Amino acid sequence: MARPDEFTGLRARLARKAATPPLPVRKRAALGPSSVPEPPDLREAVARMPDAGRSWTLLMPYGELLTSNQRLHHMAACRAQRRLRQEAAETARARGLPKLERAAIFYVLHPRPIKRNRDPGNWSVSAKAYVDGLVDAGLLPDDNSTHLAGPYPEIGPPVPSGGARMSLVIVELTPIEP
């Protein structure tokens, strides 16, 4: 059975906790209006692929991108991945891209204009969600190695305002013979 002095100590601790103000929430600085970057020039990379055909460039909608350096709660990461996946599917459907049997995908990061080196591989989490969205849209049957080469990271021209953006360059490849 609990002693009365235990309850008084508990009440005192709860009263002190209720009296302390909550910690301030850090707000992110506003990035300003989003801008449209110049389309990436990947002619050299595409020319190195012997079985390359037609190509399309999709500029993904402006929004928060995921990186491999972020430490998000798994539910927050899941919501962001779902949003990126839906954006890619909607963009591919809106452009009316044809169904492909095999393709190579380059994801081009258009970074914010800050003075430090960028590692485009850190944005592979966003690229993976975008590729899954392209599969959801029916552009590719699957994202395994039979149907997809890549996604390959590239750095594109920076965006003058807003946050980082990403372009997907989809290159049609001839199917692999079984």
N, C-alpha and C. Protein backbone atom coordinates (compact mmCIF):
# COMPACT_ATOMS: atom_id res chain seq x y z
N MET A 1 0.84 -1.16 0.00
CA MET A 1 0.00 0.00 0.00
C MET A 1 0.90 1.24 0.00
N ALA A 2 0.49 2.26 -0.75
CA ALA A 2 1.29 3.47 -0.89
C ALA A 2 1.14 4.35 0.33
N ARG A 3 2.23 5.01 0.66
CA ARG A 3 2.21 5.91 1.81
C ARG A 3 1.74 7.29 1.36
N PRO A 4 1.13 8.07 2.26
CA PRO A 4 0.63 9.40 1.89
C PRO A 4 1.74 10.36 1.46
N ASP A 5 2.95 10.22 2.03
CA ASP A 5 4.02 11.14 1.65
C ASP A 5 4.49 10.91 0.21
N GLU A 6 4.29 9.70 -0.35
CA GLU A 6 4.62 9.43 -1.76
C GLU A 6 3.70 10.24 -2.67
N PHE A 7 2.41 10.31 -2.33
CA PHE A 7 1.47 11.06 -3.15
C PHE A 7 1.76 12.56 -3.10
N THR A 8 2.15 13.06 -1.93
CA THR A 8 2.48 14.48 -1.84
C THR A 8 3.70 14.79 -2.68
N GLY A 9 4.69 13.92 -2.70
CA GLY A 9 5.88 14.14 -3.53
C GLY A 9 5.52 14.10 -5.01
N LEU A 10 4.65 13.17 -5.40
CA LEU A 10 4.21 13.08 -6.79
C LEU A 10 3.44 14.33 -7.19
N ARG A 11 2.55 14.80 -6.32
CA ARG A 11 1.79 16.01 -6.62
C ARG A 11 2.71 17.21 -6.78
N ALA A 12 3.73 17.30 -5.95
CA ALA A 12 4.67 18.42 -6.02
C ALA A 12 5.45 18.38 -7.33
N ARG A 13 5.90 17.19 -7.74
CA ARG A 13 6.63 17.07 -9.01
C ARG A 13 5.73 17.43 -10.19
N LEU A 14 4.50 16.97 -10.20
CA LEU A 14 3.57 17.30 -11.28
C LEU A 14 3.27 18.79 -11.31
N ALA A 15 3.16 19.42 -10.17
CA ALA A 15 2.90 20.87 -10.13
C ALA A 15 4.10 21.64 -10.68
N ARG A 16 5.33 21.21 -10.33
CA ARG A 16 6.52 21.87 -10.86
C ARG A 16 6.61 21.70 -12.37
N LYS A 17 6.28 20.51 -12.86
CA LYS A 17 6.34 20.24 -14.29
C LYS A 17 5.32 21.10 -15.03
N ALA A 18 4.14 21.25 -14.49
CA ALA A 18 3.10 22.06 -15.13
C ALA A 18 3.48 23.54 -15.12
N ALA A 19 4.26 23.98 -14.15
CA ALA A 19 4.63 25.39 -14.04
C ALA A 19 5.78 25.77 -14.98
N THR A 20 6.59 24.81 -15.43
CA THR A 20 7.72 25.15 -16.31
C THR A 20 7.20 25.38 -17.73
N PRO A 21 7.69 26.43 -18.39
CA PRO A 21 7.24 26.71 -19.75
C PRO A 21 7.81 25.67 -20.72
N PRO A 22 7.08 25.38 -21.80
CA PRO A 22 7.60 24.40 -22.77
C PRO A 22 8.79 24.98 -23.53
N LEU A 23 9.61 24.10 -24.06
CA LEU A 23 10.77 24.53 -24.84
C LEU A 23 10.30 25.19 -26.13
N PRO A 24 11.02 26.21 -26.61
CA PRO A 24 10.60 26.86 -27.85
C PRO A 24 10.81 25.94 -29.04
N VAL A 25 9.94 26.04 -30.03
CA VAL A 25 10.01 25.23 -31.23
C VAL A 25 10.85 25.98 -32.25
N ARG A 26 11.85 25.29 -32.80
CA ARG A 26 12.68 25.93 -33.82
C ARG A 26 11.92 25.99 -35.12
N LYS A 27 11.86 27.16 -35.71
CA LYS A 27 11.19 27.31 -36.99
C LYS A 27 12.24 27.39 -38.08
N ARG A 28 11.94 26.77 -39.21
CA ARG A 28 12.84 26.84 -40.35
C ARG A 28 12.66 28.16 -41.06
N ALA A 29 13.72 28.67 -41.58
CA ALA A 29 13.66 29.94 -42.31
C ALA A 29 12.89 29.73 -43.61
N ALA A 30 12.10 30.71 -43.99
CA ALA A 30 11.35 30.62 -45.24
C ALA A 30 12.33 30.65 -46.41
N LEU A 31 12.10 29.80 -47.38
CA LEU A 31 13.01 29.69 -48.51
C LEU A 31 12.66 30.64 -49.64
N GLY A 32 11.51 31.25 -49.59
CA GLY A 32 11.10 32.15 -50.66
C GLY A 32 10.41 31.39 -51.77
N PRO A 33 10.06 32.09 -52.83
CA PRO A 33 9.34 31.43 -53.92
C PRO A 33 10.24 30.42 -54.64
N SER A 34 9.62 29.37 -55.13
CA SER A 34 10.40 28.36 -55.84
C SER A 34 10.72 28.85 -57.24
N SER A 35 11.81 28.39 -57.77
CA SER A 35 12.20 28.78 -59.12
C SER A 35 12.34 27.53 -59.98
N VAL A 36 12.32 27.74 -61.26
CA VAL A 36 12.44 26.64 -62.21
C VAL A 36 13.87 26.62 -62.73
N PRO A 37 14.62 25.55 -62.46
CA PRO A 37 16.01 25.50 -62.92
C PRO A 37 16.09 25.21 -64.42
N GLU A 38 17.24 25.49 -64.96
CA GLU A 38 17.50 25.14 -66.36
C GLU A 38 17.49 23.62 -66.50
N PRO A 39 17.01 23.10 -67.62
CA PRO A 39 17.02 21.64 -67.77
C PRO A 39 18.45 21.10 -67.82
N PRO A 40 18.67 19.93 -67.27
CA PRO A 40 20.02 19.37 -67.23
C PRO A 40 20.48 18.94 -68.62
N ASP A 41 21.78 19.04 -68.86
CA ASP A 41 22.35 18.60 -70.13
C ASP A 41 23.12 17.31 -69.87
N LEU A 42 22.52 16.20 -70.22
CA LEU A 42 23.13 14.89 -69.98
C LEU A 42 23.46 14.17 -71.29
N ARG A 43 23.69 14.94 -72.34
CA ARG A 43 23.96 14.31 -73.65
C ARG A 43 25.16 13.39 -73.60
N GLU A 44 26.22 13.78 -72.88
CA GLU A 44 27.42 12.94 -72.80
C GLU A 44 27.12 11.63 -72.08
N ALA A 45 26.40 11.71 -70.95
CA ALA A 45 26.08 10.50 -70.19
C ALA A 45 25.18 9.57 -70.99
N VAL A 46 24.23 10.15 -71.71
CA VAL A 46 23.31 9.32 -72.51
C VAL A 46 24.04 8.73 -73.70
N ALA A 47 24.98 9.48 -74.28
CA ALA A 47 25.73 8.98 -75.44
C ALA A 47 26.59 7.77 -75.09
N ARG A 48 26.98 7.63 -73.81
CA ARG A 48 27.78 6.48 -73.39
C ARG A 48 26.97 5.20 -73.29
N MET A 49 25.65 5.32 -73.36
CA MET A 49 24.79 4.13 -73.31
C MET A 49 24.55 3.66 -74.73
N PRO A 50 25.05 2.48 -75.10
CA PRO A 50 24.95 2.04 -76.50
C PRO A 50 23.52 1.76 -76.97
N ASP A 51 22.63 1.41 -76.08
CA ASP A 51 21.28 1.05 -76.50
C ASP A 51 20.25 2.10 -76.11
N ALA A 52 20.67 3.38 -76.05
CA ALA A 52 19.76 4.46 -75.66
C ALA A 52 18.87 4.87 -76.81
N GLY A 53 17.65 5.23 -76.45
CA GLY A 53 16.69 5.70 -77.44
C GLY A 53 16.17 7.07 -77.07
N ARG A 54 14.85 7.20 -77.03
CA ARG A 54 14.22 8.48 -76.70
C ARG A 54 14.48 8.83 -75.23
N SER A 55 14.32 10.12 -74.91
CA SER A 55 14.49 10.53 -73.51
C SER A 55 13.48 11.62 -73.16
N TRP A 56 13.15 11.70 -71.88
CA TRP A 56 12.21 12.68 -71.34
C TRP A 56 12.80 13.25 -70.06
N THR A 57 12.55 14.53 -69.82
CA THR A 57 12.99 15.17 -68.58
C THR A 57 11.77 15.61 -67.80
N LEU A 58 11.66 15.16 -66.56
CA LEU A 58 10.55 15.53 -65.68
C LEU A 58 11.10 16.39 -64.54
N LEU A 59 10.63 17.61 -64.43
CA LEU A 59 10.97 18.45 -63.29
C LEU A 59 9.94 18.15 -62.21
N MET A 60 10.42 17.62 -61.10
CA MET A 60 9.52 17.25 -60.02
C MET A 60 8.99 18.50 -59.31
N PRO A 61 7.78 18.41 -58.74
CA PRO A 61 7.20 19.57 -58.06
C PRO A 61 8.07 20.05 -56.90
N TYR A 62 7.93 21.32 -56.61
CA TYR A 62 8.68 21.94 -55.51
C TYR A 62 8.17 21.39 -54.19
N GLY A 63 9.06 20.99 -53.33
CA GLY A 63 8.70 20.48 -52.00
C GLY A 63 9.93 19.98 -51.29
N GLU A 64 9.75 19.56 -50.07
CA GLU A 64 10.86 19.08 -49.25
C GLU A 64 11.35 17.73 -49.78
N LEU A 65 12.66 17.63 -50.06
CA LEU A 65 13.25 16.39 -50.51
C LEU A 65 13.85 15.64 -49.32
N LEU A 66 13.95 14.35 -49.44
CA LEU A 66 14.55 13.51 -48.39
C LEU A 66 16.01 13.24 -48.73
N THR A 67 16.85 13.22 -47.70
CA THR A 67 18.25 12.84 -47.88
C THR A 67 18.58 11.69 -46.94
N SER A 68 19.68 11.03 -47.23
CA SER A 68 20.08 9.91 -46.37
C SER A 68 20.69 10.39 -45.06
N ASN A 69 20.98 11.69 -44.94
CA ASN A 69 21.55 12.22 -43.70
C ASN A 69 20.49 12.65 -42.69
N GLN A 70 19.24 12.71 -43.12
CA GLN A 70 18.19 13.13 -42.19
C GLN A 70 17.90 12.04 -41.18
N ARG A 71 17.52 12.45 -40.01
CA ARG A 71 17.14 11.51 -38.96
C ARG A 71 15.68 11.78 -38.61
N LEU A 72 14.80 11.28 -39.45
CA LEU A 72 13.37 11.50 -39.25
C LEU A 72 12.75 10.32 -38.52
N HIS A 73 11.66 10.59 -37.85
CA HIS A 73 10.86 9.52 -37.28
C HIS A 73 10.35 8.69 -38.45
N HIS A 74 10.23 7.38 -38.26
CA HIS A 74 9.87 6.51 -39.38
C HIS A 74 8.52 6.86 -39.99
N MET A 75 7.59 7.38 -39.20
CA MET A 75 6.28 7.76 -39.77
C MET A 75 6.39 9.05 -40.59
N ALA A 76 7.22 9.99 -40.16
CA ALA A 76 7.43 11.21 -40.93
C ALA A 76 8.12 10.89 -42.25
N ALA A 77 9.09 9.99 -42.22
CA ALA A 77 9.77 9.58 -43.44
C ALA A 77 8.81 8.86 -44.38
N CYS A 78 7.94 8.04 -43.84
CA CYS A 78 6.95 7.31 -44.65
C CYS A 78 6.00 8.29 -45.33
N ARG A 79 5.53 9.30 -44.61
CA ARG A 79 4.63 10.30 -45.21
C ARG A 79 5.33 11.05 -46.33
N ALA A 80 6.58 11.42 -46.12
CA ALA A 80 7.32 12.16 -47.15
C ALA A 80 7.57 11.27 -48.37
N GLN A 81 7.92 10.01 -48.17
CA GLN A 81 8.13 9.10 -49.29
C GLN A 81 6.84 8.88 -50.07
N ARG A 82 5.73 8.76 -49.37
CA ARG A 82 4.43 8.59 -50.03
C ARG A 82 4.10 9.82 -50.89
N ARG A 83 4.39 11.02 -50.36
CA ARG A 83 4.13 12.25 -51.11
C ARG A 83 4.99 12.31 -52.37
N LEU A 84 6.29 11.98 -52.25
CA LEU A 84 7.18 11.99 -53.41
C LEU A 84 6.74 10.97 -54.45
N ARG A 85 6.33 9.82 -53.99
CA ARG A 85 5.89 8.75 -54.88
C ARG A 85 4.65 9.18 -55.66
N GLN A 86 3.69 9.80 -54.97
CA GLN A 86 2.48 10.28 -55.63
C GLN A 86 2.79 11.39 -56.62
N GLU A 87 3.70 12.30 -56.26
CA GLU A 87 4.07 13.39 -57.16
C GLU A 87 4.68 12.85 -58.45
N ALA A 88 5.53 11.84 -58.36
CA ALA A 88 6.15 11.27 -59.56
C ALA A 88 5.11 10.58 -60.43
N ALA A 89 4.19 9.84 -59.81
CA ALA A 89 3.15 9.16 -60.58
C ALA A 89 2.25 10.18 -61.29
N GLU A 90 1.85 11.22 -60.59
CA GLU A 90 0.98 12.23 -61.19
C GLU A 90 1.70 12.99 -62.31
N THR A 91 2.99 13.30 -62.12
CA THR A 91 3.75 14.01 -63.14
C THR A 91 3.91 13.15 -64.39
N ALA A 92 4.21 11.87 -64.22
CA ALA A 92 4.36 10.98 -65.38
C ALA A 92 3.04 10.82 -66.12
N ARG A 93 1.94 10.67 -65.39
CA ARG A 93 0.64 10.54 -66.05
C ARG A 93 0.27 11.82 -66.79
N ALA A 94 0.55 12.98 -66.16
CA ALA A 94 0.21 14.26 -66.78
C ALA A 94 1.00 14.48 -68.06
N ARG A 95 2.23 14.01 -68.11
CA ARG A 95 3.06 14.17 -69.32
C ARG A 95 2.69 13.15 -70.39
N GLY A 96 1.93 12.12 -70.04
CA GLY A 96 1.53 11.11 -71.01
C GLY A 96 2.70 10.28 -71.52
N LEU A 97 3.61 9.93 -70.63
CA LEU A 97 4.77 9.13 -71.03
C LEU A 97 4.34 7.73 -71.45
N PRO A 98 4.98 7.16 -72.47
CA PRO A 98 4.60 5.81 -72.92
C PRO A 98 5.11 4.75 -71.95
N LYS A 99 4.52 3.59 -72.01
CA LYS A 99 4.99 2.46 -71.22
C LYS A 99 6.30 1.97 -71.84
N LEU A 100 7.29 1.76 -70.99
CA LEU A 100 8.60 1.31 -71.43
C LEU A 100 8.89 -0.06 -70.86
N GLU A 101 9.62 -0.85 -71.60
CA GLU A 101 10.03 -2.16 -71.11
C GLU A 101 11.31 -2.04 -70.27
N ARG A 102 12.17 -1.10 -70.66
CA ARG A 102 13.45 -0.92 -69.96
C ARG A 102 13.87 0.54 -70.10
N ALA A 103 14.46 1.09 -69.04
CA ALA A 103 14.88 2.49 -69.07
C ALA A 103 16.06 2.71 -68.12
N ALA A 104 16.78 3.78 -68.38
CA ALA A 104 17.80 4.28 -67.47
C ALA A 104 17.28 5.59 -66.92
N ILE A 105 17.48 5.81 -65.63
CA ILE A 105 17.00 7.04 -65.00
C ILE A 105 18.17 7.74 -64.33
N PHE A 106 18.30 9.03 -64.65
CA PHE A 106 19.25 9.90 -63.99
C PHE A 106 18.44 10.84 -63.10
N TYR A 107 18.83 10.97 -61.84
CA TYR A 107 18.17 11.99 -61.02
C TYR A 107 19.16 13.13 -60.86
N VAL A 108 18.68 14.32 -61.21
CA VAL A 108 19.53 15.50 -61.25
C VAL A 108 19.11 16.42 -60.12
N LEU A 109 20.03 16.67 -59.21
CA LEU A 109 19.76 17.57 -58.10
C LEU A 109 20.08 19.00 -58.52
N HIS A 110 19.13 19.89 -58.31
CA HIS A 110 19.32 21.32 -58.53
C HIS A 110 19.40 21.93 -57.12
N PRO A 111 20.63 22.12 -56.59
CA PRO A 111 20.77 22.53 -55.18
C PRO A 111 20.48 24.02 -54.98
N ARG A 112 20.31 24.37 -53.72
CA ARG A 112 20.24 25.79 -53.36
C ARG A 112 21.61 26.40 -53.58
N PRO A 113 21.69 27.69 -53.87
CA PRO A 113 22.99 28.30 -54.13
C PRO A 113 23.75 28.64 -52.84
N ILE A 114 24.39 27.64 -52.27
CA ILE A 114 25.23 27.88 -51.10
C ILE A 114 26.64 27.41 -51.43
N LYS A 115 27.60 27.91 -50.69
CA LYS A 115 29.00 27.65 -51.03
C LYS A 115 29.54 26.44 -50.26
N ARG A 116 29.14 25.28 -50.69
CA ARG A 116 29.75 24.06 -50.19
C ARG A 116 29.51 22.96 -51.22
N ASN A 117 30.33 21.96 -51.18
CA ASN A 117 30.19 20.87 -52.13
C ASN A 117 28.96 20.03 -51.81
N ARG A 118 28.36 19.49 -52.84
CA ARG A 118 27.17 18.66 -52.67
C ARG A 118 27.49 17.23 -53.08
N ASP A 119 26.87 16.31 -52.41
CA ASP A 119 26.97 14.90 -52.75
C ASP A 119 25.59 14.46 -53.25
N PRO A 120 25.39 14.35 -54.57
CA PRO A 120 24.06 14.03 -55.07
C PRO A 120 23.56 12.65 -54.63
N GLY A 121 24.48 11.77 -54.24
CA GLY A 121 24.07 10.46 -53.76
C GLY A 121 23.24 10.51 -52.48
N ASN A 122 23.37 11.60 -51.71
CA ASN A 122 22.59 11.72 -50.48
C ASN A 122 21.09 11.82 -50.75
N TRP A 123 20.73 12.23 -51.95
CA TRP A 123 19.31 12.38 -52.29
C TRP A 123 18.75 11.12 -52.93
N SER A 124 19.43 9.99 -52.79
CA SER A 124 18.96 8.74 -53.38
C SER A 124 17.64 8.28 -52.75
N VAL A 125 17.37 8.69 -51.52
CA VAL A 125 16.11 8.33 -50.87
C VAL A 125 14.94 8.96 -51.63
N SER A 126 15.09 10.22 -52.01
CA SER A 126 14.06 10.89 -52.81
C SER A 126 13.95 10.25 -54.19
N ALA A 127 15.10 9.94 -54.80
CA ALA A 127 15.09 9.33 -56.12
C ALA A 127 14.40 7.98 -56.10
N LYS A 128 14.61 7.19 -55.07
CA LYS A 128 13.97 5.88 -54.95
C LYS A 128 12.45 6.04 -54.87
N ALA A 129 11.98 7.01 -54.10
CA ALA A 129 10.54 7.25 -54.01
C ALA A 129 9.98 7.69 -55.35
N TYR A 130 10.72 8.54 -56.07
CA TYR A 130 10.27 8.98 -57.39
C TYR A 130 10.21 7.81 -58.38
N VAL A 131 11.20 6.93 -58.35
CA VAL A 131 11.21 5.77 -59.24
C VAL A 131 10.03 4.85 -58.92
N ASP A 132 9.76 4.64 -57.64
CA ASP A 132 8.60 3.84 -57.26
C ASP A 132 7.31 4.45 -57.79
N GLY A 133 7.22 5.78 -57.79
CA GLY A 133 6.06 6.45 -58.35
C GLY A 133 5.93 6.24 -59.85
N LEU A 134 7.07 6.20 -60.56
CA LEU A 134 7.02 5.93 -62.00
C LEU A 134 6.53 4.51 -62.28
N VAL A 135 6.92 3.58 -61.42
CA VAL A 135 6.41 2.21 -61.55
C VAL A 135 4.91 2.18 -61.26
N ASP A 136 4.47 2.93 -60.23
CA ASP A 136 3.04 3.00 -59.91
C ASP A 136 2.24 3.57 -61.09
N ALA A 137 2.83 4.51 -61.82
CA ALA A 137 2.14 5.13 -62.96
C ALA A 137 2.12 4.21 -64.18
N GLY A 138 2.85 3.10 -64.13
CA GLY A 138 2.86 2.16 -65.24
C GLY A 138 3.92 2.45 -66.28
N LEU A 139 4.84 3.36 -65.99
CA LEU A 139 5.90 3.68 -66.94
C LEU A 139 6.82 2.47 -67.14
N LEU A 140 7.15 1.79 -66.05
CA LEU A 140 7.97 0.59 -66.08
C LEU A 140 7.23 -0.55 -65.39
N PRO A 141 7.44 -1.80 -65.84
CA PRO A 141 6.77 -2.92 -65.16
C PRO A 141 7.26 -3.13 -63.73
N ASP A 142 8.55 -2.86 -63.48
CA ASP A 142 9.13 -3.05 -62.16
C ASP A 142 10.41 -2.22 -62.09
N ASP A 143 10.95 -2.06 -60.89
CA ASP A 143 12.19 -1.30 -60.76
C ASP A 143 13.38 -2.22 -60.46
N ASN A 144 13.32 -3.44 -60.93
CA ASN A 144 14.46 -4.34 -60.75
C ASN A 144 15.46 -4.13 -61.88
N SER A 145 16.58 -4.84 -61.84
CA SER A 145 17.66 -4.61 -62.81
C SER A 145 17.31 -5.04 -64.23
N THR A 146 16.29 -5.85 -64.40
CA THR A 146 15.86 -6.24 -65.74
C THR A 146 15.22 -5.06 -66.47
N HIS A 147 14.52 -4.21 -65.74
CA HIS A 147 13.76 -3.11 -66.35
C HIS A 147 14.36 -1.73 -66.11
N LEU A 148 15.30 -1.61 -65.17
CA LEU A 148 15.80 -0.29 -64.79
C LEU A 148 17.31 -0.30 -64.66
N ALA A 149 17.94 0.68 -65.29
CA ALA A 149 19.37 0.96 -65.09
C ALA A 149 19.44 2.25 -64.29
N GLY A 150 20.09 2.21 -63.17
CA GLY A 150 20.16 3.40 -62.32
C GLY A 150 19.27 3.24 -61.11
N PRO A 151 18.86 4.31 -60.53
CA PRO A 151 19.02 5.71 -60.90
C PRO A 151 20.43 6.22 -60.62
N TYR A 152 20.92 7.02 -61.56
CA TYR A 152 22.26 7.58 -61.48
C TYR A 152 22.21 9.03 -61.00
N PRO A 153 23.04 9.40 -60.02
CA PRO A 153 23.01 10.78 -59.52
C PRO A 153 23.81 11.74 -60.39
N GLU A 154 23.30 12.94 -60.54
CA GLU A 154 23.99 14.03 -61.25
C GLU A 154 23.69 15.34 -60.53
N ILE A 155 24.57 16.31 -60.69
CA ILE A 155 24.34 17.66 -60.16
C ILE A 155 24.00 18.55 -61.34
N GLY A 156 22.91 19.29 -61.21
CA GLY A 156 22.49 20.22 -62.25
C GLY A 156 22.74 21.65 -61.82
N PRO A 157 22.29 22.58 -62.63
CA PRO A 157 22.47 23.99 -62.27
C PRO A 157 21.67 24.32 -61.02
N PRO A 158 22.18 25.20 -60.16
CA PRO A 158 21.45 25.53 -58.93
C PRO A 158 20.20 26.35 -59.22
N VAL A 159 19.28 26.31 -58.27
CA VAL A 159 18.08 27.13 -58.36
C VAL A 159 18.38 28.47 -57.68
N PRO A 160 17.99 29.59 -58.29
CA PRO A 160 18.31 30.89 -57.70
C PRO A 160 17.51 31.20 -56.43
N SER A 161 16.32 30.64 -56.29
CA SER A 161 15.54 30.90 -55.08
C SER A 161 14.77 29.64 -54.70
N GLY A 162 14.33 29.59 -53.46
CA GLY A 162 13.60 28.43 -52.97
C GLY A 162 14.54 27.33 -52.53
N GLY A 163 13.98 26.15 -52.33
CA GLY A 163 14.77 25.01 -51.90
C GLY A 163 15.27 24.20 -53.08
N ALA A 164 16.00 23.14 -52.79
CA ALA A 164 16.53 22.26 -53.83
C ALA A 164 15.39 21.61 -54.60
N ARG A 165 15.63 21.34 -55.87
CA ARG A 165 14.65 20.66 -56.71
C ARG A 165 15.33 19.48 -57.36
N MET A 166 14.52 18.60 -57.94
CA MET A 166 15.07 17.43 -58.58
C MET A 166 14.39 17.22 -59.93
N SER A 167 15.21 16.86 -60.93
CA SER A 167 14.71 16.48 -62.24
C SER A 167 15.02 15.01 -62.45
N LEU A 168 14.13 14.33 -63.15
CA LEU A 168 14.38 12.95 -63.54
C LEU A 168 14.53 12.93 -65.06
N VAL A 169 15.62 12.35 -65.53
CA VAL A 169 15.82 12.17 -66.96
C VAL A 169 15.65 10.68 -67.23
N ILE A 170 14.64 10.37 -68.01
CA ILE A 170 14.30 8.98 -68.31
C ILE A 170 14.74 8.69 -69.73
N VAL A 171 15.59 7.68 -69.90
CA VAL A 171 16.13 7.31 -71.20
C VAL A 171 15.64 5.91 -71.53
N GLU A 172 14.99 5.79 -72.66
CA GLU A 172 14.49 4.47 -73.09
C GLU A 172 15.68 3.61 -73.53
N LEU A 173 15.70 2.37 -73.08
CA LEU A 173 16.73 1.41 -73.46
C LEU A 173 16.08 0.22 -74.14
N THR A 174 16.84 -0.46 -75.02
CA THR A 174 16.29 -1.65 -75.65
C THR A 174 16.19 -2.75 -74.60
N PRO A 175 15.13 -3.55 -74.67
CA PRO A 175 14.96 -4.62 -73.68
C PRO A 175 16.07 -5.66 -73.75
N ILE A 176 16.35 -6.27 -72.61
CA ILE A 176 17.34 -7.34 -72.53
C ILE A 176 16.70 -8.62 -73.06
N GLU A 177 17.41 -9.29 -73.95
CA GLU A 177 16.91 -10.55 -74.49
C GLU A 177 17.07 -11.66 -73.46
N PRO A 178 16.03 -12.46 -73.26
CA PRO A 178 16.13 -13.54 -72.25
C PRO A 178 17.04 -14.66 -72.65
